[in-house]
mmCIF file of all heavy atoms, coordinates in Angstrom:
data_MODEL
# 
_entry.id   MODEL 
# 
loop_
_atom_site.group_PDB 
_atom_site.id 
_atom_site.type_symbol 
_atom_site.label_atom_id 
_atom_site.label_alt_id 
_atom_site.label_comp_id 
_atom_site.label_asym_id 
_atom_site.label_entity_id 
_atom_site.label_seq_id 
_atom_site.pdbx_PDB_ins_code 
_atom_site.Cartn_x 
_atom_site.Cartn_y 
_atom_site.Cartn_z 
_atom_site.occupancy 
_atom_site.B_iso_or_equiv 
_atom_site.pdbx_formal_charge 
_atom_site.auth_seq_id 
_atom_site.auth_comp_id 
_atom_site.auth_asym_id 
_atom_site.auth_atom_id 
_atom_site.pdbx_PDB_model_num 
ATOM 1   N N   . LEU A 1 1  ? 0.837   -1.189 0.000  1.00 0.00 ? 1  LEU A N   1 
ATOM 2   C CA  . LEU A 1 1  ? 0.000   0.000  0.000  1.00 0.00 ? 1  LEU A CA  1 
ATOM 3   C C   . LEU A 1 1  ? 0.875   1.243  0.000  1.00 0.00 ? 1  LEU A C   1 
ATOM 4   O O   . LEU A 1 1  ? 1.945   1.266  0.619  1.00 0.00 ? 1  LEU A O   1 
ATOM 5   C CB  . LEU A 1 1  ? -0.907  0.016  1.234  1.00 0.00 ? 1  LEU A CB  1 
ATOM 6   C CG  . LEU A 1 1  ? -1.816  -1.188 1.449  1.00 0.00 ? 1  LEU A CG  1 
ATOM 7   C CD1 . LEU A 1 1  ? -2.688  -0.965 2.687  1.00 0.00 ? 1  LEU A CD1 1 
ATOM 8   C CD2 . LEU A 1 1  ? -2.659  -1.472 0.242  1.00 0.00 ? 1  LEU A CD2 1 
ATOM 9   N N   . SER A 1 2  ? 0.397   2.270  -0.673 1.00 0.00 ? 2  SER A N   1 
ATOM 10  C CA  . SER A 1 2  ? 1.093   3.553  -0.686 1.00 0.00 ? 2  SER A CA  1 
ATOM 11  C C   . SER A 1 2  ? 0.112   4.662  -0.358 1.00 0.00 ? 2  SER A C   1 
ATOM 12  O O   . SER A 1 2  ? -1.077  4.568  -0.655 1.00 0.00 ? 2  SER A O   1 
ATOM 13  C CB  . SER A 1 2  ? 1.726   3.811  -2.053 1.00 0.00 ? 2  SER A CB  1 
ATOM 14  O OG  . SER A 1 2  ? 2.760   2.889  -2.315 1.00 0.00 ? 2  SER A OG  1 
ATOM 15  N N   . CYS A 1 3  ? 0.634   5.711  0.237  1.00 0.00 ? 3  CYS A N   1 
ATOM 16  C CA  . CYS A 1 3  ? -0.175  6.877  0.592  1.00 0.00 ? 3  CYS A CA  1 
ATOM 17  C C   . CYS A 1 3  ? 0.592   8.114  0.142  1.00 0.00 ? 3  CYS A C   1 
ATOM 18  O O   . CYS A 1 3  ? 1.737   8.320  0.576  1.00 0.00 ? 3  CYS A O   1 
ATOM 19  C CB  . CYS A 1 3  ? -0.430  6.903  2.088  1.00 0.00 ? 3  CYS A CB  1 
ATOM 20  S SG  . CYS A 1 3  ? -1.422  8.292  2.636  1.00 0.00 ? 3  CYS A SG  1 
ATOM 21  N N   . VAL A 1 4  ? -0.041  8.903  -0.710 1.00 0.00 ? 4  VAL A N   1 
ATOM 22  C CA  . VAL A 1 4  ? 0.609   10.078 -1.287 1.00 0.00 ? 4  VAL A CA  1 
ATOM 23  C C   . VAL A 1 4  ? -0.233  11.311 -0.987 1.00 0.00 ? 4  VAL A C   1 
ATOM 24  O O   . VAL A 1 4  ? -1.403  11.379 -1.394 1.00 0.00 ? 4  VAL A O   1 
ATOM 25  C CB  . VAL A 1 4  ? 0.777   9.914  -2.807 1.00 0.00 ? 4  VAL A CB  1 
ATOM 26  C CG1 . VAL A 1 4  ? 1.407   11.161 -3.408 1.00 0.00 ? 4  VAL A CG1 1 
ATOM 27  C CG2 . VAL A 1 4  ? 1.606   8.677  -3.123 1.00 0.00 ? 4  VAL A CG2 1 
ATOM 28  N N   . PRO A 1 5  ? 0.337   12.294 -0.303 1.00 0.00 ? 5  PRO A N   1 
ATOM 29  C CA  . PRO A 1 5  ? -0.401  13.540 -0.076 1.00 0.00 ? 5  PRO A CA  1 
ATOM 30  C C   . PRO A 1 5  ? -0.559  14.329 -1.381 1.00 0.00 ? 5  PRO A C   1 
ATOM 31  O O   . PRO A 1 5  ? 0.317   14.294 -2.245 1.00 0.00 ? 5  PRO A O   1 
ATOM 32  C CB  . PRO A 1 5  ? 0.482   14.306 0.914  1.00 0.00 ? 5  PRO A CB  1 
ATOM 33  C CG  . PRO A 1 5  ? 1.403   13.292 1.490  1.00 0.00 ? 5  PRO A CG  1 
ATOM 34  C CD  . PRO A 1 5  ? 1.601   12.266 0.429  1.00 0.00 ? 5  PRO A CD  1 
ATOM 35  N N   . SER A 1 6  ? -1.664  15.066 -1.480 1.00 0.00 ? 6  SER A N   1 
ATOM 36  C CA  . SER A 1 6  ? -1.929  15.844 -2.696 1.00 0.00 ? 6  SER A CA  1 
ATOM 37  C C   . SER A 1 6  ? -1.033  17.075 -2.792 1.00 0.00 ? 6  SER A C   1 
ATOM 38  O O   . SER A 1 6  ? -0.868  17.638 -3.869 1.00 0.00 ? 6  SER A O   1 
ATOM 39  C CB  . SER A 1 6  ? -3.398  16.267 -2.733 1.00 0.00 ? 6  SER A CB  1 
ATOM 40  O OG  . SER A 1 6  ? -3.713  17.076 -1.607 1.00 0.00 ? 6  SER A OG  1 
ATOM 41  N N   . GLU A 1 7  ? -0.477  17.495 -1.654 1.00 0.00 ? 7  GLU A N   1 
ATOM 42  C CA  . GLU A 1 7  ? 0.476   18.593 -1.640 1.00 0.00 ? 7  GLU A CA  1 
ATOM 43  C C   . GLU A 1 7  ? 1.386   18.430 -0.439 1.00 0.00 ? 7  GLU A C   1 
ATOM 44  O O   . GLU A 1 7  ? 1.156   17.562 0.400  1.00 0.00 ? 7  GLU A O   1 
ATOM 45  C CB  . GLU A 1 7  ? -0.245  19.951 -1.610 1.00 0.00 ? 7  GLU A CB  1 
ATOM 46  C CG  . GLU A 1 7  ? -1.195  20.135 -0.461 1.00 0.00 ? 7  GLU A CG  1 
ATOM 47  C CD  . GLU A 1 7  ? -2.036  21.406 -0.599 1.00 0.00 ? 7  GLU A CD  1 
ATOM 48  O OE1 . GLU A 1 7  ? -2.991  21.394 -1.395 1.00 0.00 ? 7  GLU A OE1 1 
ATOM 49  O OE2 . GLU A 1 7  ? -1.708  22.394 0.094  1.00 0.00 ? 7  GLU A OE2 1 
ATOM 50  N N   . THR A 1 8  ? 2.390   19.238 -0.371 1.00 0.00 ? 8  THR A N   1 
ATOM 51  C CA  . THR A 1 8  ? 3.380   19.116 0.703  1.00 0.00 ? 8  THR A CA  1 
ATOM 52  C C   . THR A 1 8  ? 2.743   19.347 2.063  1.00 0.00 ? 8  THR A C   1 
ATOM 53  O O   . THR A 1 8  ? 1.986   20.301 2.250  1.00 0.00 ? 8  THR A O   1 
ATOM 54  C CB  . THR A 1 8  ? 4.515   20.119 0.488  1.00 0.00 ? 8  THR A CB  1 
ATOM 55  O OG1 . THR A 1 8  ? 5.144   19.840 -0.760 1.00 0.00 ? 8  THR A OG1 1 
ATOM 56  C CG2 . THR A 1 8  ? 5.540   20.002 1.611  1.00 0.00 ? 8  THR A CG2 1 
ATOM 57  N N   . ILE A 1 9  ? 3.050   18.452 2.994  1.00 0.00 ? 9  ILE A N   1 
ATOM 58  C CA  . ILE A 1 9  ? 2.588   18.594 4.373  1.00 0.00 ? 9  ILE A CA  1 
ATOM 59  C C   . ILE A 1 9  ? 3.804   18.937 5.234  1.00 0.00 ? 9  ILE A C   1 
ATOM 60  O O   . ILE A 1 9  ? 4.798   18.217 5.207  1.00 0.00 ? 9  ILE A O   1 
ATOM 61  C CB  . ILE A 1 9  ? 1.937   17.302 4.881  1.00 0.00 ? 9  ILE A CB  1 
ATOM 62  C CG1 . ILE A 1 9  ? 0.720   16.941 4.013  1.00 0.00 ? 9  ILE A CG1 1 
ATOM 63  C CG2 . ILE A 1 9  ? 1.514   17.454 6.337  1.00 0.00 ? 9  ILE A CG2 1 
ATOM 64  C CD1 . ILE A 1 9  ? 0.077   15.617 4.386  1.00 0.00 ? 9  ILE A CD1 1 
ATOM 65  N N   . ARG A 1 10 ? 3.695   19.987 5.980  1.00 0.00 ? 10 ARG A N   1 
ATOM 66  C CA  . ARG A 1 10 ? 4.811   20.414 6.815  1.00 0.00 ? 10 ARG A CA  1 
ATOM 67  C C   . ARG A 1 10 ? 4.650   19.905 8.248  1.00 0.00 ? 10 ARG A C   1 
ATOM 68  O O   . ARG A 1 10 ? 3.560   19.617 8.692  1.00 0.00 ? 10 ARG A O   1 
ATOM 69  C CB  . ARG A 1 10 ? 4.913   21.930 6.814  1.00 0.00 ? 10 ARG A CB  1 
ATOM 70  C CG  . ARG A 1 10 ? 5.093   22.533 5.424  1.00 0.00 ? 10 ARG A CG  1 
ATOM 71  C CD  . ARG A 1 10 ? 5.309   24.044 5.473  1.00 0.00 ? 10 ARG A CD  1 
ATOM 72  N NE  . ARG A 1 10 ? 5.338   24.623 4.138  1.00 0.00 ? 10 ARG A NE  1 
ATOM 73  C CZ  . ARG A 1 10 ? 6.408   24.607 3.356  1.00 0.00 ? 10 ARG A CZ  1 
ATOM 74  N NH1 . ARG A 1 10 ? 7.516   24.025 3.778  1.00 0.00 ? 10 ARG A NH1 1 
ATOM 75  N NH2 . ARG A 1 10 ? 6.352   25.168 2.153  1.00 0.00 ? 10 ARG A NH2 1 
ATOM 76  N N   . ASN A 1 11 ? 5.771   19.814 8.925  1.00 0.00 ? 11 ASN A N   1 
ATOM 77  C CA  . ASN A 1 11 ? 5.781   19.476 10.359 1.00 0.00 ? 11 ASN A CA  1 
ATOM 78  C C   . ASN A 1 11 ? 5.095   18.148 10.666 1.00 0.00 ? 11 ASN A C   1 
ATOM 79  O O   . ASN A 1 11 ? 4.310   18.052 11.612 1.00 0.00 ? 11 ASN A O   1 
ATOM 80  C CB  . ASN A 1 11 ? 5.135   20.602 11.168 1.00 0.00 ? 11 ASN A CB  1 
ATOM 81  C CG  . ASN A 1 11 ? 5.850   21.931 10.982 1.00 0.00 ? 11 ASN A CG  1 
ATOM 82  O OD1 . ASN A 1 11 ? 7.082   21.983 10.943 1.00 0.00 ? 11 ASN A OD1 1 
ATOM 83  N ND2 . ASN A 1 11 ? 5.080   22.993 10.847 1.00 0.00 ? 11 ASN A ND2 1 
ATOM 84  N N   . ILE A 1 12 ? 5.402   17.151 9.885  1.00 0.00 ? 12 ILE A N   1 
ATOM 85  C CA  . ILE A 1 12 ? 4.827   15.826 10.127 1.00 0.00 ? 12 ILE A CA  1 
ATOM 86  C C   . ILE A 1 12 ? 5.455   15.221 11.377 1.00 0.00 ? 12 ILE A C   1 
ATOM 87  O O   . ILE A 1 12 ? 6.667   15.181 11.516 1.00 0.00 ? 12 ILE A O   1 
ATOM 88  C CB  . ILE A 1 12 ? 5.055   14.901 8.923  1.00 0.00 ? 12 ILE A CB  1 
ATOM 89  C CG1 . ILE A 1 12 ? 4.317   15.437 7.694  1.00 0.00 ? 12 ILE A CG1 1 
ATOM 90  C CG2 . ILE A 1 12 ? 4.581   13.488 9.244  1.00 0.00 ? 12 ILE A CG2 1 
ATOM 91  C CD1 . ILE A 1 12 ? 4.623   14.677 6.419  1.00 0.00 ? 12 ILE A CD1 1 
ATOM 92  N N   . ARG A 1 13 ? 4.621   14.724 12.271 1.00 0.00 ? 13 ARG A N   1 
ATOM 93  C CA  . ARG A 1 13 ? 5.112   14.013 13.451 1.00 0.00 ? 13 ARG A CA  1 
ATOM 94  C C   . ARG A 1 13 ? 5.191   12.520 13.181 1.00 0.00 ? 13 ARG A C   1 
ATOM 95  O O   . ARG A 1 13 ? 6.131   11.841 13.600 1.00 0.00 ? 13 ARG A O   1 
ATOM 96  C CB  . ARG A 1 13 ? 4.198   14.260 14.636 1.00 0.00 ? 13 ARG A CB  1 
ATOM 97  C CG  . ARG A 1 13 ? 4.188   15.682 15.150 1.00 0.00 ? 13 ARG A CG  1 
ATOM 98  C CD  . ARG A 1 13 ? 3.259   15.820 16.338 1.00 0.00 ? 13 ARG A CD  1 
ATOM 99  N NE  . ARG A 1 13 ? 3.638   14.947 17.433 1.00 0.00 ? 13 ARG A NE  1 
ATOM 100 C CZ  . ARG A 1 13 ? 2.900   14.751 18.513 1.00 0.00 ? 13 ARG A CZ  1 
ATOM 101 N NH1 . ARG A 1 13 ? 1.725   15.353 18.626 1.00 0.00 ? 13 ARG A NH1 1 
ATOM 102 N NH2 . ARG A 1 13 ? 3.310   13.962 19.476 1.00 0.00 ? 13 ARG A NH2 1 
ATOM 103 N N   . ALA A 1 14 ? 4.165   12.017 12.524 1.00 0.00 ? 14 ALA A N   1 
ATOM 104 C CA  . ALA A 1 14 ? 4.135   10.574 12.261 1.00 0.00 ? 14 ALA A CA  1 
ATOM 105 C C   . ALA A 1 14 ? 3.187   10.279 11.116 1.00 0.00 ? 14 ALA A C   1 
ATOM 106 O O   . ALA A 1 14 ? 2.245   11.027 10.855 1.00 0.00 ? 14 ALA A O   1 
ATOM 107 C CB  . ALA A 1 14 ? 3.685   9.813  13.505 1.00 0.00 ? 14 ALA A CB  1 
ATOM 108 N N   . MET A 1 15 ? 3.475   9.168  10.448 1.00 0.00 ? 15 MET A N   1 
ATOM 109 C CA  . MET A 1 15 ? 2.611   8.646  9.398  1.00 0.00 ? 15 MET A CA  1 
ATOM 110 C C   . MET A 1 15 ? 2.237   7.222  9.785  1.00 0.00 ? 15 MET A C   1 
ATOM 111 O O   . MET A 1 15 ? 3.074   6.481  10.310 1.00 0.00 ? 15 MET A O   1 
ATOM 112 C CB  . MET A 1 15 ? 3.346   8.668  8.066  1.00 0.00 ? 15 MET A CB  1 
ATOM 113 C CG  . MET A 1 15 ? 3.710   10.063 7.602  1.00 0.00 ? 15 MET A CG  1 
ATOM 114 S SD  . MET A 1 15 ? 4.734   10.048 6.113  1.00 0.00 ? 15 MET A SD  1 
ATOM 115 C CE  . MET A 1 15 ? 6.342   9.959  6.865  1.00 0.00 ? 15 MET A CE  1 
ATOM 116 N N   . GLY A 1 16 ? 1.002   6.854  9.508  1.00 0.00 ? 16 GLY A N   1 
ATOM 117 C CA  . GLY A 1 16 ? 0.597   5.533  9.939  1.00 0.00 ? 16 GLY A CA  1 
ATOM 118 C C   . GLY A 1 16 ? -0.498  4.930  9.088  1.00 0.00 ? 16 GLY A C   1 
ATOM 119 O O   . GLY A 1 16 ? -0.990  5.554  8.135  1.00 0.00 ? 16 GLY A O   1 
ATOM 120 N N   . TRP A 1 17 ? -0.830  3.699  9.444  1.00 0.00 ? 17 TRP A N   1 
ATOM 121 C CA  . TRP A 1 17 ? -1.900  2.955  8.783  1.00 0.00 ? 17 TRP A CA  1 
ATOM 122 C C   . TRP A 1 17 ? -2.826  2.366  9.848  1.00 0.00 ? 17 TRP A C   1 
ATOM 123 O O   . TRP A 1 17 ? -2.363  1.852  10.870 1.00 0.00 ? 17 TRP A O   1 
ATOM 124 C CB  . TRP A 1 17 ? -1.322  1.833  7.928  1.00 0.00 ? 17 TRP A CB  1 
ATOM 125 C CG  . TRP A 1 17 ? -0.576  2.326  6.733  1.00 0.00 ? 17 TRP A CG  1 
ATOM 126 C CD1 . TRP A 1 17 ? 0.756   2.626  6.665  1.00 0.00 ? 17 TRP A CD1 1 
ATOM 127 C CD2 . TRP A 1 17 ? -1.113  2.600  5.436  1.00 0.00 ? 17 TRP A CD2 1 
ATOM 128 N NE1 . TRP A 1 17 ? 1.077   3.077  5.412  1.00 0.00 ? 17 TRP A NE1 1 
ATOM 129 C CE2 . TRP A 1 17 ? -0.044  3.056  4.628  1.00 0.00 ? 17 TRP A CE2 1 
ATOM 130 C CE3 . TRP A 1 17 ? -2.371  2.496  4.863  1.00 0.00 ? 17 TRP A CE3 1 
ATOM 131 C CZ2 . TRP A 1 17 ? -0.217  3.411  3.293  1.00 0.00 ? 17 TRP A CZ2 1 
ATOM 132 C CZ3 . TRP A 1 17 ? -2.540  2.847  3.533  1.00 0.00 ? 17 TRP A CZ3 1 
ATOM 133 C CH2 . TRP A 1 17 ? -1.471  3.295  2.759  1.00 0.00 ? 17 TRP A CH2 1 
ATOM 134 N N   . PHE A 1 18 ? -4.109  2.456  9.561  1.00 0.00 ? 18 PHE A N   1 
ATOM 135 C CA  . PHE A 1 18 ? -5.146  1.853  10.369 1.00 0.00 ? 18 PHE A CA  1 
ATOM 136 C C   . PHE A 1 18 ? -6.000  0.990  9.451  1.00 0.00 ? 18 PHE A C   1 
ATOM 137 O O   . PHE A 1 18 ? -5.911  1.091  8.230  1.00 0.00 ? 18 PHE A O   1 
ATOM 138 C CB  . PHE A 1 18 ? -6.021  2.931  11.021 1.00 0.00 ? 18 PHE A CB  1 
ATOM 139 C CG  . PHE A 1 18 ? -5.320  3.723  12.095 1.00 0.00 ? 18 PHE A CG  1 
ATOM 140 C CD1 . PHE A 1 18 ? -4.320  4.630  11.786 1.00 0.00 ? 18 PHE A CD1 1 
ATOM 141 C CD2 . PHE A 1 18 ? -5.672  3.562  13.426 1.00 0.00 ? 18 PHE A CD2 1 
ATOM 142 C CE1 . PHE A 1 18 ? -3.670  5.364  12.768 1.00 0.00 ? 18 PHE A CE1 1 
ATOM 143 C CE2 . PHE A 1 18 ? -5.037  4.285  14.421 1.00 0.00 ? 18 PHE A CE2 1 
ATOM 144 C CZ  . PHE A 1 18 ? -4.040  5.181  14.086 1.00 0.00 ? 18 PHE A CZ  1 
ATOM 145 N N   . ARG A 1 19 ? -6.827  0.150  10.051 1.00 0.00 ? 19 ARG A N   1 
ATOM 146 C CA  . ARG A 1 19 ? -7.729  -0.645 9.229  1.00 0.00 ? 19 ARG A CA  1 
ATOM 147 C C   . ARG A 1 19 ? -9.055  -0.843 9.942  1.00 0.00 ? 19 ARG A C   1 
ATOM 148 O O   . ARG A 1 19 ? -9.131  -0.766 11.174 1.00 0.00 ? 19 ARG A O   1 
ATOM 149 C CB  . ARG A 1 19 ? -7.098  -1.990 8.879  1.00 0.00 ? 19 ARG A CB  1 
ATOM 150 C CG  . ARG A 1 19 ? -6.995  -2.958 10.037 1.00 0.00 ? 19 ARG A CG  1 
ATOM 151 C CD  . ARG A 1 19 ? -6.257  -4.226 9.606  1.00 0.00 ? 19 ARG A CD  1 
ATOM 152 N NE  . ARG A 1 19 ? -6.305  -5.266 10.627 1.00 0.00 ? 19 ARG A NE  1 
ATOM 153 C CZ  . ARG A 1 19 ? -5.688  -6.428 10.538 1.00 0.00 ? 19 ARG A CZ  1 
ATOM 154 N NH1 . ARG A 1 19 ? -4.941  -6.715 9.463  1.00 0.00 ? 19 ARG A NH1 1 
ATOM 155 N NH2 . ARG A 1 19 ? -5.785  -7.326 11.494 1.00 0.00 ? 19 ARG A NH2 1 
ATOM 156 N N   . GLN A 1 20 ? -10.080 -1.111 9.147  1.00 0.00 ? 20 GLN A N   1 
ATOM 157 C CA  . GLN A 1 20 ? -11.399 -1.363 9.699  1.00 0.00 ? 20 GLN A CA  1 
ATOM 158 C C   . GLN A 1 20 ? -12.048 -2.502 8.932  1.00 0.00 ? 20 GLN A C   1 
ATOM 159 O O   . GLN A 1 20 ? -12.297 -2.391 7.730  1.00 0.00 ? 20 GLN A O   1 
ATOM 160 C CB  . GLN A 1 20 ? -12.277 -0.114 9.638  1.00 0.00 ? 20 GLN A CB  1 
ATOM 161 C CG  . GLN A 1 20 ? -13.608 -0.268 10.344 1.00 0.00 ? 20 GLN A CG  1 
ATOM 162 C CD  . GLN A 1 20 ? -14.319 1.067  10.532 1.00 0.00 ? 20 GLN A CD  1 
ATOM 163 O OE1 . GLN A 1 20 ? -14.000 2.067  9.892  1.00 0.00 ? 20 GLN A OE1 1 
ATOM 164 N NE2 . GLN A 1 20 ? -15.266 1.093  11.448 1.00 0.00 ? 20 GLN A NE2 1 
ATOM 165 N N   . ALA A 1 21 ? -12.284 -3.579 9.634  1.00 0.00 ? 21 ALA A N   1 
ATOM 166 C CA  . ALA A 1 21 ? -12.959 -4.731 9.055  1.00 0.00 ? 21 ALA A CA  1 
ATOM 167 C C   . ALA A 1 21 ? -14.467 -4.576 9.237  1.00 0.00 ? 21 ALA A C   1 
ATOM 168 O O   . ALA A 1 21 ? -14.912 -3.847 10.134 1.00 0.00 ? 21 ALA A O   1 
ATOM 169 C CB  . ALA A 1 21 ? -12.475 -6.012 9.721  1.00 0.00 ? 21 ALA A CB  1 
ATOM 170 N N   . PRO A 1 22 ? -15.263 -5.252 8.422  1.00 0.00 ? 22 PRO A N   1 
ATOM 171 C CA  . PRO A 1 22 ? -16.723 -5.143 8.546  1.00 0.00 ? 22 PRO A CA  1 
ATOM 172 C C   . PRO A 1 22 ? -17.188 -5.494 9.952  1.00 0.00 ? 22 PRO A C   1 
ATOM 173 O O   . PRO A 1 22 ? -16.818 -6.524 10.513 1.00 0.00 ? 22 PRO A O   1 
ATOM 174 C CB  . PRO A 1 22 ? -17.237 -6.161 7.518  1.00 0.00 ? 22 PRO A CB  1 
ATOM 175 C CG  . PRO A 1 22 ? -16.149 -6.256 6.515  1.00 0.00 ? 22 PRO A CG  1 
ATOM 176 C CD  . PRO A 1 22 ? -14.870 -6.099 7.285  1.00 0.00 ? 22 PRO A CD  1 
ATOM 177 N N   . GLY A 1 23 ? -17.997 -4.617 10.520 1.00 0.00 ? 23 GLY A N   1 
ATOM 178 C CA  . GLY A 1 23 ? -18.561 -4.858 11.842 1.00 0.00 ? 23 GLY A CA  1 
ATOM 179 C C   . GLY A 1 23 ? -17.615 -4.619 12.988 1.00 0.00 ? 23 GLY A C   1 
ATOM 180 O O   . GLY A 1 23 ? -17.963 -4.894 14.144 1.00 0.00 ? 23 GLY A O   1 
ATOM 181 N N   . LYS A 1 24 ? -16.413 -4.120 12.695 1.00 0.00 ? 24 LYS A N   1 
ATOM 182 C CA  . LYS A 1 24 ? -15.432 -3.883 13.747 1.00 0.00 ? 24 LYS A CA  1 
ATOM 183 C C   . LYS A 1 24 ? -15.022 -2.417 13.766 1.00 0.00 ? 24 LYS A C   1 
ATOM 184 O O   . LYS A 1 24 ? -15.230 -1.682 12.813 1.00 0.00 ? 24 LYS A O   1 
ATOM 185 C CB  . LYS A 1 24 ? -14.206 -4.770 13.540 1.00 0.00 ? 24 LYS A CB  1 
ATOM 186 C CG  . LYS A 1 24 ? -14.483 -6.257 13.678 1.00 0.00 ? 24 LYS A CG  1 
ATOM 187 C CD  . LYS A 1 24 ? -13.204 -7.060 13.625 1.00 0.00 ? 24 LYS A CD  1 
ATOM 188 C CE  . LYS A 1 24 ? -13.455 -8.531 13.842 1.00 0.00 ? 24 LYS A CE  1 
ATOM 189 N NZ  . LYS A 1 24 ? -12.191 -9.325 13.826 1.00 0.00 ? 24 LYS A NZ  1 
ATOM 190 N N   . GLU A 1 25 ? -14.402 -2.010 14.869 1.00 0.00 ? 25 GLU A N   1 
ATOM 191 C CA  . GLU A 1 25 ? -13.918 -0.653 14.970 1.00 0.00 ? 25 GLU A CA  1 
ATOM 192 C C   . GLU A 1 25 ? -12.581 -0.512 14.223 1.00 0.00 ? 25 GLU A C   1 
ATOM 193 O O   . GLU A 1 25 ? -11.862 -1.492 14.013 1.00 0.00 ? 25 GLU A O   1 
ATOM 194 C CB  . GLU A 1 25 ? -13.738 -0.266 16.435 1.00 0.00 ? 25 GLU A CB  1 
ATOM 195 C CG  . GLU A 1 25 ? -15.052 -0.198 17.201 1.00 0.00 ? 25 GLU A CG  1 
ATOM 196 C CD  . GLU A 1 25 ? -14.868 0.384  18.588 1.00 0.00 ? 25 GLU A CD  1 
ATOM 197 O OE1 . GLU A 1 25 ? -13.716 0.590  19.001 1.00 0.00 ? 25 GLU A OE1 1 
ATOM 198 O OE2 . GLU A 1 25 ? -15.887 0.609  19.259 1.00 0.00 ? 25 GLU A OE2 1 
ATOM 199 N N   . ARG A 1 26 ? -12.269 0.713  13.863 1.00 0.00 ? 26 ARG A N   1 
ATOM 200 C CA  . ARG A 1 26 ? -10.982 0.984  13.231 1.00 0.00 ? 26 ARG A CA  1 
ATOM 201 C C   . ARG A 1 26 ? -9.864  0.693  14.225 1.00 0.00 ? 26 ARG A C   1 
ATOM 202 O O   . ARG A 1 26 ? -9.957  1.054  15.401 1.00 0.00 ? 26 ARG A O   1 
ATOM 203 C CB  . ARG A 1 26 ? -10.921 2.429  12.757 1.00 0.00 ? 26 ARG A CB  1 
ATOM 204 C CG  . ARG A 1 26 ? -9.726  2.760  11.879 1.00 0.00 ? 26 ARG A CG  1 
ATOM 205 C CD  . ARG A 1 26 ? -9.811  4.176  11.341 1.00 0.00 ? 26 ARG A CD  1 
ATOM 206 N NE  . ARG A 1 26 ? -10.985 4.364  10.483 1.00 0.00 ? 26 ARG A NE  1 
ATOM 207 C CZ  . ARG A 1 26 ? -11.205 5.471  9.778  1.00 0.00 ? 26 ARG A CZ  1 
ATOM 208 N NH1 . ARG A 1 26 ? -10.327 6.470  9.799  1.00 0.00 ? 26 ARG A NH1 1 
ATOM 209 N NH2 . ARG A 1 26 ? -12.289 5.588  9.052  1.00 0.00 ? 26 ARG A NH2 1 
# 
């Protein structure tokens, strides 16, 4: 998986991934 911002984001502290399965919380 890849995640690309549409424009430059400044002062990033962290980048991450979450997921949500059907019927479950993220």
